[in-house]
Amino acid sequence: MRRREVIAVIGAAATWPVVARAQESDRVRRIGLLVGLAEDDAGMKPRLIALRQELEALGWVEGRNVRVQRRYAPGGAGAQELAKELVALQPDVIVAHTVSVAAALKHETSAIPIVFVSVGDPLGAGFIASLARPGGTLTGLMTFEAGISGKWVEMLKEVVPGLTRAMFVANPKTTTYGYYLAAAEAAARTLSLDLVPARVESVSDLERSIGDFAREPGGALVVAPDLTTSAHGHVIVALAALHRVPAGAAAKNANGGACRGRAFVSRPIGGRARAATGRTRLD
């Protein structure tokens, strides 16, 4: 078989990425999919539908000429074991959702091509050699450029009257924490805002941090996209509403209705974006 293109279809909060350029084949191709969220996650269903639709549009019909082998690791739990299991099935290509999942897969194989999605800083995570030339067997698209967190701070300053302080909500153990925090801090200094980093790893951390922060007026939340804030987006929305604190977030973090009151949601351009992210042999 000739070399096939692998296309990652990314819509950081709107659609799901996927692979492949379809042609007639003498065997069923296999795509591995390892997701860092629960199978019943509200944001996952439309993405999985988009996955199937994009494959069909490219000529790959599940059950006919392609098989998608799905695994789920909510919050990264069990990612390493699931990565090992998926690699043992020897799919032609694997789609890795989130940093922890991509890292687990990278540890298990250097032979199977991996397309990562929902990864903020692939360079900092050690997945690629450079943005221009990824190298190796991993490729994909960045969720957001680092400076976006600074834009969220600027937007909050514009839309929230009397804003004097903002809380940066993110998990400090993720590789993107410092990546987004630096831009948010720079914007806060320029706007003379007091930026308060909230180190959250669980729902209890979110409840305590947002509750304590809301005790003083003039504040708003800047919710950085990572696996923790994405998995608990509905909790953040509920807490912001409960304490009447304006919030700025990426679309996935706002899952559950953050476009209420004085909150804004930043969405990827176009709703559905395509980008050729690499090539692999599907034979």
C-alpha atoms as a PDB file:
ATOM      1  CA  MET A   1       0.000   0.000   0.000  1.00  0.00           C
ATOM      2  CA  ARG A   2       1.060   3.599  -0.613  1.00  0.00           C
ATOM      3  CA  ARG A   3       1.644   6.075   2.202  1.00  0.00           C
ATOM      4  CA  ARG A   4      -1.562   7.597   3.574  1.00  0.00           C
ATOM      5  CA  GLU A   5      -2.088  10.962   5.186  1.00  0.00           C
ATOM      6  CA  VAL A   6      -3.190  11.088   8.792  1.00  0.00           C
ATOM      7  CA  ILE A   7      -5.399  14.096   9.436  1.00  0.00           C
ATOM      8  CA  ALA A   8      -6.106  15.318  12.931  1.00  0.00           C
ATOM      9  CA  VAL A   9      -9.464  17.061  13.121  1.00  0.00           C
ATOM     10  CA  ILE A  10      -9.333  19.322  16.178  1.00  0.00           C
ATOM     11  CA  GLY A  11     -11.962  21.634  17.611  1.00  0.00           C
ATOM     12  CA  ALA A  12     -10.692  22.097  21.160  1.00  0.00           C
ATOM     13  CA  ALA A  13     -14.132  22.347  22.565  1.00  0.00           C
ATOM     14  CA  ALA A  14     -16.283  21.683  19.592  1.00  0.00           C
ATOM     15  CA  THR A  15     -15.108  18.664  17.676  1.00  0.00           C
ATOM     16  CA  TRP A  16     -12.828  15.718  17.884  1.00  0.00           C
ATOM     17  CA  PRO A  17      -9.685  15.088  15.860  1.00  0.00           C
ATOM     18  CA  VAL A  18      -9.256  12.155  13.656  1.00  0.00           C
ATOM     19  CA  VAL A  19      -7.209  10.381  11.144  1.00  0.00           C
ATOM     20  CA  ALA A  20      -7.026   9.163   7.747  1.00  0.00           C
ATOM     21  CA  ARG A  21      -7.448   9.457   4.119  1.00  0.00           C
ATOM     22  CA  ALA A  22      -9.514   6.678   2.684  1.00  0.00           C
ATOM     23  CA  GLN A  23      -8.837   4.487  -0.301  1.00  0.00           C
ATOM     24  CA  GLU A  24      -9.755   0.924  -1.176  1.00  0.00           C
ATOM     25  CA  SER A  25      -7.983  -1.542   1.081  1.00  0.00           C
ATOM     26  CA  ASP A  26      -7.590  -5.273   1.345  1.00  0.00           C
ATOM     27  CA  ARG A  27      -7.809  -5.265   5.135  1.00  0.00           C
ATOM     28  CA  VAL A  28      -9.537  -3.447   7.959  1.00  0.00           C
ATOM     29  CA  ARG A  29      -7.459  -0.600   9.345  1.00  0.00           C
ATOM     30  CA  ARG A  30      -7.364  -0.130  13.115  1.00  0.00           C
ATOM     31  CA  ILE A  31      -7.344   3.192  14.972  1.00  0.00           C
ATOM     32  CA  GLY A  32      -6.633   3.252  18.695  1.00  0.00           C
ATOM     33  CA  LEU A  33      -8.328   5.946  20.770  1.00  0.00           C
ATOM     34  CA  LEU A  34      -7.327   6.614  24.380  1.00  0.00           C
ATOM     35  CA  VAL A  35      -9.342   9.356  26.085  1.00  0.00           C
ATOM     36  CA  GLY A  36      -8.529  11.122  29.342  1.00  0.00           C
ATOM     37  CA  LEU A  37     -12.191  11.537  30.302  1.00  0.00           C
ATOM     38  CA  ALA A  38     -15.032   9.182  31.214  1.00  0.00           C
ATOM     39  CA  GLU A  39     -16.985   7.526  28.440  1.00  0.00           C
ATOM     40  CA  ASP A  40     -20.182   9.249  29.628  1.00  0.00           C
ATOM     41  CA  ASP A  41     -18.585  12.713  29.869  1.00  0.00           C
ATOM     42  CA  ALA A  42     -21.077  15.222  28.442  1.00  0.00           C
ATOM     43  CA  GLY A  43     -18.486  16.810  26.188  1.00  0.00           C
ATOM     44  CA  MET A  44     -17.322  13.488  24.777  1.00  0.00           C
ATOM     45  CA  LYS A  45     -20.496  12.404  22.994  1.00  0.00           C
ATOM     46  CA  PRO A  46     -20.511  15.082  20.264  1.00  0.00           C
ATOM     47  CA  ARG A  47     -16.788  14.553  19.739  1.00  0.00           C
ATOM     48  CA  LEU A  48     -17.207  10.827  19.237  1.00  0.00           C
ATOM     49  CA  ILE A  49     -20.037  11.512  16.805  1.00  0.00           C
ATOM     50  CA  ALA A  50     -17.745  13.929  14.961  1.00  0.00           C
ATOM     51  CA  LEU A  51     -15.066  11.232  14.910  1.00  0.00           C
ATOM     52  CA  ARG A  52     -17.387   8.803  13.162  1.00  0.00           C
ATOM     53  CA  GLN A  53     -18.690  11.435  10.745  1.00  0.00           C
ATOM     54  CA  GLU A  54     -15.228  12.603   9.732  1.00  0.00           C
ATOM     55  CA  LEU A  55     -14.058   9.046   9.144  1.00  0.00           C
ATOM     56  CA  GLU A  56     -17.109   8.346   6.998  1.00  0.00           C
ATOM     57  CA  ALA A  57     -16.584  11.574   5.034  1.00  0.00           C
ATOM     58  CA  LEU A  58     -13.075  10.370   4.243  1.00  0.00           C
ATOM     59  CA  GLY A  59     -14.320   6.948   3.200  1.00  0.00           C
ATOM     60  CA  TRP A  60     -13.575   5.027   6.377  1.00  0.00           C
ATOM     61  CA  VAL A  61     -16.695   3.282   7.673  1.00  0.00           C
ATOM     62  CA  GLU A  62     -16.481   1.602  11.041  1.00  0.00           C
ATOM     63  CA  GLY A  63     -17.396  -2.058  10.742  1.00  0.00           C
ATOM     64  CA  ARG A  64     -16.529  -2.123   7.056  1.00  0.00           C
ATOM     65  CA  ASN A  65     -12.964  -0.979   6.445  1.00  0.00           C
ATOM     66  CA  VAL A  66     -11.893   0.517   9.779  1.00  0.00           C
ATOM     67  CA  ARG A  67     -12.164  -0.441  13.424  1.00  0.00           C
ATOM     68  CA  VAL A  68     -11.836   2.095  16.251  1.00  0.00           C
ATOM     69  CA  GLN A  69     -10.546   0.562  19.483  1.00  0.00           C
ATOM     70  CA  ARG A  70     -11.614   2.861  22.318  1.00  0.00           C
ATOM     71  CA  ARG A  71     -10.301   3.089  25.868  1.00  0.00           C
ATOM     72  CA  TYR A  72     -11.099   5.642  28.612  1.00  0.00           C
ATOM     73  CA  ALA A  73      -8.901   6.874  31.458  1.00  0.00           C
ATOM     74  CA  PRO A  74     -10.925   9.490  33.419  1.00  0.00           C
ATOM     75  CA  GLY A  75      -8.575  12.076  34.856  1.00  0.00           C
ATOM     76  CA  GLY A  76      -5.664   9.992  33.617  1.00  0.00           C
ATOM     77  CA  ALA A  77      -6.541   7.128  35.986  1.00  0.00           C
ATOM     78  CA  GLY A  78      -5.154   3.839  34.706  1.00  0.00           C
ATOM     79  CA  ALA A  79      -3.722   5.517  31.625  1.00  0.00           C
ATOM     80  CA  GLN A  80      -0.476   3.528  31.681  1.00  0.00           C
ATOM     81  CA  GLU A  81      -2.181   0.130  31.841  1.00  0.00           C
ATOM     82  CA  LEU A  82      -4.679   1.095  29.164  1.00  0.00           C
ATOM     83  CA  ALA A  83      -1.883   2.441  26.962  1.00  0.00           C
ATOM     84  CA  LYS A  84      -0.056  -0.876  27.265  1.00  0.00           C
ATOM     85  CA  GLU A  85      -3.254  -2.751  26.435  1.00  0.00           C
ATOM     86  CA  LEU A  86      -3.970  -0.582  23.402  1.00  0.00           C
ATOM     87  CA  VAL A  87      -0.425  -0.795  22.055  1.00  0.00           C
ATOM     88  CA  ALA A  88      -0.566  -4.603  22.362  1.00  0.00           C
ATOM     89  CA  LEU A  89      -3.467  -4.566  19.892  1.00  0.00           C
ATOM     90  CA  GLN A  90      -1.087  -3.051  17.305  1.00  0.00           C
ATOM     91  CA  PRO A  91      -3.377  -0.412  15.755  1.00  0.00           C
ATOM     92  CA  ASP A  92      -2.168   1.453  12.674  1.00  0.00           C
ATOM     93  CA  VAL A  93      -2.331   4.787  14.487  1.00  0.00           C
ATOM     94  CA  ILE A  94      -3.384   5.972  17.961  1.00  0.00           C
ATOM     95  CA  VAL A  95      -5.231   9.162  18.882  1.00  0.00           C
ATOM     96  CA  ALA A  96      -4.163  10.332  22.358  1.00  0.00           C
ATOM     97  CA  HIS A  97      -6.415  12.720  24.274  1.00  0.00           C
ATOM     98  CA  THR A  98      -4.699  14.857  26.941  1.00  0.00           C
ATOM     99  CA  VAL A  99      -1.115  15.124  28.159  1.00  0.00           C
ATOM    100  CA  SER A 100      -1.200  12.235  30.620  1.00  0.00           C
ATOM    101  CA  VAL A 101      -2.593   9.867  27.998  1.00  0.00           C
ATOM    102  CA  ALA A 102      -0.073  10.931  25.346  1.00  0.00           C
ATOM    103  CA  ALA A 103       2.757  10.516  27.861  1.00  0.00           C
ATOM    104  CA  ALA A 104       1.573   7.005  28.752  1.00  0.00           C
ATOM    105  CA  LEU A 105       1.423   6.001  25.099  1.00  0.00           C
ATOM    106  CA  LYS A 106       4.809   7.548  24.356  1.00  0.00           C
ATOM    107  CA  HIS A 107       6.259   5.381  27.115  1.00  0.00           C
ATOM    108  CA  GLU A 108       4.746   2.224  25.606  1.00  0.00           C
ATOM    109  CA  THR A 109       5.677   2.589  21.939  1.00  0.00           C
ATOM    110  CA  SER A 110       8.090   4.324  19.612  1.00  0.00           C
ATOM    111  CA  ALA A 111       6.824   2.450  16.551  1.00  0.00           C
ATOM    112  CA  ILE A 112       3.102   3.245  16.301  1.00  0.00           C
ATOM    113  CA  PRO A 113       2.272   6.787  15.117  1.00  0.00           C
ATOM    114  CA  ILE A 114       0.470   8.838  17.779  1.00  0.00           C
ATOM    115  CA  VAL A 115      -1.700  11.892  17.079  1.00  0.00           C
ATOM    116  CA  PHE A 116      -2.193  13.896  20.278  1.00  0.00           C
ATOM    117  CA  VAL A 117      -5.113  16.245  20.981  1.00  0.00           C
ATOM    118  CA  SER A 118      -6.108  18.495  23.888  1.00  0.00           C
ATOM    119  CA  VAL A 119      -2.423  19.086  24.625  1.00  0.00           C
ATOM    120  CA  GLY A 120      -1.461  22.657  25.486  1.00  0.00           C
ATOM    121  CA  ASP A 121       2.333  22.534  25.401  1.00  0.00           C
ATOM    122  CA  PRO A 122       3.629  19.528  23.413  1.00  0.00           C
ATOM    123  CA  LEU A 123       7.148  20.968  23.368  1.00  0.00           C
ATOM    124  CA  GLY A 124       7.276  21.397  27.148  1.00  0.00           C
ATOM    125  CA  ALA A 125       5.781  17.941  27.615  1.00  0.00           C
ATOM    126  CA  GLY A 126       8.620  16.437  25.595  1.00  0.00           C
ATOM    127  CA  PHE A 127       6.366  15.055  22.865  1.00  0.00           C
ATOM    128  CA  ILE A 128       8.045  16.892  19.990  1.00  0.00           C
ATOM    129  CA  ALA A 129      11.451  18.311  19.135  1.00  0.00           C
ATOM    130  CA  SER A 130      10.053  21.590  17.809  1.00  0.00           C
ATOM    131  CA  LEU A 131       6.801  23.048  16.514  1.00  0.00           C
ATOM    132  CA  ALA A 132       8.180  23.281  12.981  1.00  0.00           C
ATOM    133  CA  ARG A 133       9.638  19.764  12.924  1.00  0.00           C
ATOM    134  CA  PRO A 134       8.036  17.493  15.527  1.00  0.00           C
ATOM    135  CA  GLY A 135      10.269  14.502  14.749  1.00  0.00           C
ATOM    136  CA  GLY A 136       9.675  11.047  16.210  1.00  0.00           C
ATOM    137  CA  THR A 137       6.303   9.309  16.013  1.00  0.00           C
ATOM    138  CA  LEU A 138       4.165  11.878  17.864  1.00  0.00           C
ATOM    139  CA  THR A 139       2.397  14.753  16.179  1.00  0.00           C
ATOM    140  CA  GLY A 140      -0.772  16.776  16.664  1.00  0.00           C
ATOM    141  CA  LEU A 141      -2.142  20.258  17.269  1.00  0.00           C
ATOM    142  CA  MET A 142      -1.778  22.548  20.264  1.00  0.00           C
ATOM    143  CA  THR A 143      -5.003  23.291  22.103  1.00  0.00           C
ATOM    144  CA  PHE A 144      -4.143  26.930  22.758  1.00  0.00           C
ATOM    145  CA  GLU A 145      -1.108  29.137  22.302  1.00  0.00           C
ATOM    146  CA  ALA A 146       0.326  30.168  25.694  1.00  0.00           C
ATOM    147  CA  GLY A 147      -0.589  33.840  25.313  1.00  0.00           C
ATOM    148  CA  ILE A 148      -4.313  33.047  25.269  1.00  0.00           C
ATOM    149  CA  SER A 149      -4.446  33.088  29.064  1.00  0.00           C
ATOM    150  CA  GLY A 150      -3.258  36.694  28.989  1.00  0.00           C
ATOM    151  CA  LYS A 151      -6.088  37.498  26.587  1.00  0.00           C
ATOM    152  CA  TRP A 152      -8.586  35.984  29.011  1.00  0.00           C
ATOM    153  CA  VAL A 153      -7.288  38.307  31.745  1.00  0.00           C
ATOM    154  CA  GLU A 154      -7.583  41.301  29.395  1.00  0.00           C
ATOM    155  CA  MET A 155     -11.135  40.340  28.427  1.00  0.00           C
ATOM    156  CA  LEU A 156     -12.171  40.008  32.053  1.00  0.00           C
ATOM    157  CA  LYS A 157     -10.795  43.471  32.743  1.00  0.00           C
ATOM    158  CA  GLU A 158     -12.926  44.848  29.898  1.00  0.00           C
ATOM    159  CA  VAL A 159     -16.199  43.127  30.789  1.00  0.00           C
ATOM    160  CA  VAL A 160     -16.138  43.107  34.600  1.00  0.00           C
ATOM    161  CA  PRO A 161     -16.654  46.538  36.187  1.00  0.00           C
ATOM    162  CA  GLY A 162     -14.359  47.285  39.114  1.00  0.00           C
ATOM    163  CA  LEU A 163     -12.143  44.245  38.606  1.00  0.00           C
ATOM    164  CA  THR A 164      -9.056  44.426  40.830  1.00  0.00           C
ATOM    165  CA  ARG A 165      -8.095  40.781  41.290  1.00  0.00           C
ATOM    166  CA  ALA A 166      -8.284  37.475  39.442  1.00  0.00           C
ATOM    167  CA  MET A 167      -7.759  33.889  40.488  1.00  0.00           C
ATOM    168  CA  PHE A 168      -5.868  31.603  38.099  1.00  0.00           C
ATOM    169  CA  VAL A 169      -7.542  28.200  38.361  1.00  0.00           C
ATOM    170  CA  ALA A 170      -5.461  25.208  37.238  1.00  0.00           C
ATOM    171  CA  ASN A 171      -3.729  22.043  38.374  1.00  0.00           C
ATOM    172  CA  PRO A 172      -0.056  22.818  39.202  1.00  0.00           C
ATOM    173  CA  LYS A 173       0.970  19.226  38.456  1.00  0.00           C
ATOM    174  CA  THR A 174       0.116  19.527  34.760  1.00  0.00           C
ATOM    175  CA  THR A 175       2.809  20.456  32.254  1.00  0.00           C
ATOM    176  CA  THR A 176       0.760  23.440  31.023  1.00  0.00           C
ATOM    177  CA  TYR A 177       0.470  25.150  34.421  1.00  0.00           C
ATOM    178  CA  GLY A 178       3.529  27.354  34.090  1.00  0.00           C
ATOM    179  CA  TYR A 179       2.883  27.693  30.354  1.00  0.00           C
ATOM    180  CA  TYR A 180      -0.434  29.490  30.899  1.00  0.00           C
ATOM    181  CA  LEU A 181       0.409  31.117  34.241  1.00  0.00           C
ATOM    182  CA  ALA A 182       3.293  33.194  32.849  1.00  0.00           C
ATOM    183  CA  ALA A 183       1.105  34.914  30.246  1.00  0.00           C
ATOM    184  CA  ALA A 184      -1.686  35.507  32.753  1.00  0.00           C
ATOM    185  CA  GLU A 185       0.769  37.064  35.235  1.00  0.00           C
ATOM    186  CA  ALA A 186       2.229  39.341  32.562  1.00  0.00           C
ATOM    187  CA  ALA A 187      -1.215  40.593  31.557  1.00  0.00           C
ATOM    188  CA  ALA A 188      -2.216  41.105  35.198  1.00  0.00           C
ATOM    189  CA  ARG A 189       0.889  43.234  35.852  1.00  0.00           C
ATOM    190  CA  THR A 190       0.147  45.391  32.821  1.00  0.00           C
ATOM    191  CA  LEU A 191      -3.444  45.925  33.977  1.00  0.00           C
ATOM    192  CA  SER A 192      -2.486  46.427  37.650  1.00  0.00           C
ATOM    193  CA  LEU A 193      -4.482  43.382  38.724  1.00  0.00           C
ATOM    194  CA  ASP A 194      -3.616  41.084  41.582  1.00  0.00           C
ATOM    195  CA  LEU A 195      -3.378  37.549  40.164  1.00  0.00           C
ATOM    196  CA  VAL A 196      -3.892  34.789  42.724  1.00  0.00           C
ATOM    197  CA  PRO A 197      -2.818  31.267  41.609  1.00  0.00           C
ATOM    198  CA  ALA A 198      -5.197  28.564  42.859  1.00  0.00           C
ATOM    199  CA  ARG A 199      -3.590  25.144  42.968  1.00  0.00           C
ATOM    200  CA  VAL A 200      -6.443  22.726  42.402  1.00  0.00           C
ATOM    201  CA  GLU A 201      -6.276  18.965  42.005  1.00  0.00           C
ATOM    202  CA  SER A 202      -9.753  17.916  43.133  1.00  0.00           C
ATOM    203  CA  VAL A 203     -13.337  19.066  43.630  1.00  0.00           C
ATOM    204  CA  SER A 204     -12.619  19.850  47.284  1.00  0.00           C
ATOM    205  CA  ASP A 205      -9.736  22.101  46.192  1.00  0.00           C
ATOM    206  CA  LEU A 206     -12.058  23.931  43.823  1.00  0.00           C
ATOM    207  CA  GLU A 207     -14.737  24.389  46.494  1.00  0.00           C
ATOM    208  CA  ARG A 208     -12.248  25.717  49.035  1.00  0.00           C
ATOM    209  CA  SER A 209     -10.298  27.964  46.650  1.00  0.00           C
ATOM    210  CA  ILE A 210     -13.266  29.575  44.904  1.00  0.00           C
ATOM    211  CA  GLY A 211     -15.192  29.942  48.167  1.00  0.00           C
ATOM    212  CA  ASP A 212     -12.283  31.670  49.912  1.00  0.00           C
ATOM    213  CA  PHE A 213     -11.541  33.897  46.917  1.00  0.00           C
ATOM    214  CA  ALA A 214     -15.182  35.020  46.629  1.00  0.00           C
ATOM    215  CA  ARG A 215     -15.212  36.437  50.148  1.00  0.00           C
ATOM    216  CA  GLU A 216     -13.651  39.661  48.880  1.00  0.00           C
ATOM    217  CA  PRO A 217     -15.230  41.806  46.125  1.00  0.00           C
ATOM    218  CA  GLY A 218     -13.736  42.826  42.792  1.00  0.00           C
ATOM    219  CA  GLY A 219     -12.615  39.353  41.737  1.00  0.00           C
ATOM    220  CA  ALA A 220     -13.007  37.020  38.756  1.00  0.00           C
ATOM    221  CA  LEU A 221     -11.799  33.567  37.724  1.00  0.00           C
ATOM    222  CA  VAL A 222      -9.398  32.721  34.907  1.00  0.00           C
ATOM    223  CA  VAL A 223      -9.841  29.000  34.255  1.00  0.00           C
ATOM    224  CA  ALA A 224      -6.901  27.485  32.391  1.00  0.00           C
ATOM    225  CA  PRO A 225      -7.554  24.386  30.263  1.00  0.00           C
ATOM    226  CA  ASP A 226      -6.137  21.193  31.715  1.00  0.00           C
ATOM    227  CA  LEU A 227      -7.442  17.714  32.508  1.00  0.00           C
ATOM    228  CA  THR A 228      -8.588  18.704  36.013  1.00  0.00           C
ATOM    229  CA  THR A 229     -10.516  21.833  35.029  1.00  0.00           C
ATOM    230  CA  SER A 230     -11.991  20.049  32.000  1.00  0.00           C
ATOM    231  CA  ALA A 231     -13.167  17.059  34.019  1.00  0.00           C
ATOM    232  CA  HIS A 232     -14.725  19.322  36.669  1.00  0.00           C
ATOM    233  CA  GLY A 233     -15.953  22.121  34.396  1.00  0.00           C
ATOM    234  CA  HIS A 234     -19.540  21.721  35.620  1.00  0.00           C
ATOM    235  CA  VAL A 235     -18.332  22.120  39.216  1.00  0.00           C
ATOM    236  CA  ILE A 236     -16.477  25.342  38.382  1.00  0.00           C
ATOM    237  CA  VAL A 237     -19.558  26.714  36.624  1.00  0.00           C
ATOM    238  CA  ALA A 238     -21.769  25.871  39.602  1.00  0.00           C
ATOM    239  CA  LEU A 239     -19.347  27.391  42.121  1.00  0.00           C
ATOM    240  CA  ALA A 240     -18.933  30.578  40.069  1.00  0.00           C
ATOM    241  CA  ALA A 241     -22.722  30.936  39.933  1.00  0.00           C
ATOM    242  CA  LEU A 242     -23.135  30.134  43.626  1.00  0.00           C
ATOM    243  CA  HIS A 243     -20.597  32.748  44.700  1.00  0.00           C
ATOM    244  CA  ARG A 244     -21.518  35.203  41.922  1.00  0.00           C
ATOM    245  CA  VAL A 245     -17.959  35.374  40.625  1.00  0.00           C
ATOM    246  CA  PRO A 246     -17.398  36.240  36.938  1.00  0.00           C
ATOM    247  CA  ALA A 247     -15.326  33.676  35.055  1.00  0.00           C
ATOM    248  CA  GLY A 248     -13.394  33.420  31.821  1.00  0.00           C
ATOM    249  CA  ALA A 249     -12.692  29.974  30.453  1.00  0.00           C
ATOM    250  CA  ALA A 250     -12.013  27.835  27.436  1.00  0.00           C
ATOM    251  CA  ALA A 251     -15.124  26.237  25.973  1.00  0.00           C
ATOM    252  CA  LYS A 252     -14.433  22.730  27.341  1.00  0.00           C
ATOM    253  CA  ASN A 253     -13.844  24.120  30.825  1.00  0.00           C
ATOM    254  CA  ALA A 254     -17.185  25.876  30.559  1.00  0.00           C
ATOM    255  CA  ASN A 255     -19.026  22.630  29.888  1.00  0.00           C
ATOM    256  CA  GLY A 256     -22.388  22.861  31.586  1.00  0.00           C
ATOM    257  CA  GLY A 257     -23.273  26.459  30.787  1.00  0.00           C
ATOM    258  CA  ALA A 258     -20.641  29.015  31.677  1.00  0.00           C
ATOM    259  CA  CYS A 259     -22.188  31.558  29.327  1.00  0.00           C
ATOM    260  CA  ARG A 260     -24.350  32.832  32.133  1.00  0.00           C
ATOM    261  CA  GLY A 261     -24.191  36.043  34.079  1.00  0.00           C
ATOM    262  CA  ARG A 262     -20.875  37.779  33.654  1.00  0.00           C
ATOM    263  CA  ALA A 263     -18.853  35.020  32.099  1.00  0.00           C
ATOM    264  CA  PHE A 264     -17.340  34.547  28.668  1.00  0.00           C
ATOM    265  CA  VAL A 265     -16.214  31.499  26.797  1.00  0.00           C
ATOM    266  CA  SER A 266     -13.308  31.414  24.384  1.00  0.00           C
ATOM    267  CA  ARG A 267     -13.902  28.998  21.502  1.00  0.00           C
ATOM    268  CA  PRO A 268     -11.546  27.788  18.778  1.00  0.00           C
ATOM    269  CA  ILE A 269     -11.802  29.656  15.491  1.00  0.00           C
ATOM    270  CA  GLY A 270     -14.311  28.196  13.087  1.00  0.00           C
ATOM    271  CA  GLY A 271     -15.895  25.557  15.316  1.00  0.00           C
ATOM    272  CA  ARG A 272     -14.200  22.810  13.345  1.00  0.00           C
ATOM    273  CA  ALA A 273     -10.637  23.131  12.173  1.00  0.00           C
ATOM    274  CA  ARG A 274      -8.673  20.722  10.038  1.00  0.00           C
ATOM    275  CA  ALA A 275      -4.929  20.517   9.856  1.00  0.00           C
ATOM    276  CA  ALA A 276      -2.643  17.963   8.309  1.00  0.00           C
ATOM    277  CA  THR A 277      -0.457  16.929  11.221  1.00  0.00           C
ATOM    278  CA  GLY A 278       1.565  14.062   9.865  1.00  0.00           C
ATOM    279  CA  ARG A 279       1.782  10.982   7.703  1.00  0.00           C
ATOM    280  CA  THR A 280       1.868   7.325   8.522  1.00  0.00           C
ATOM    281  CA  ARG A 281       1.658   3.991   6.779  1.00  0.00           C
ATOM    282  CA  LEU A 282      -1.785   2.428   7.020  1.00  0.00           C
ATOM    283  CA  ASP A 283      -0.773  -0.920   5.570  1.00  0.00           C
END
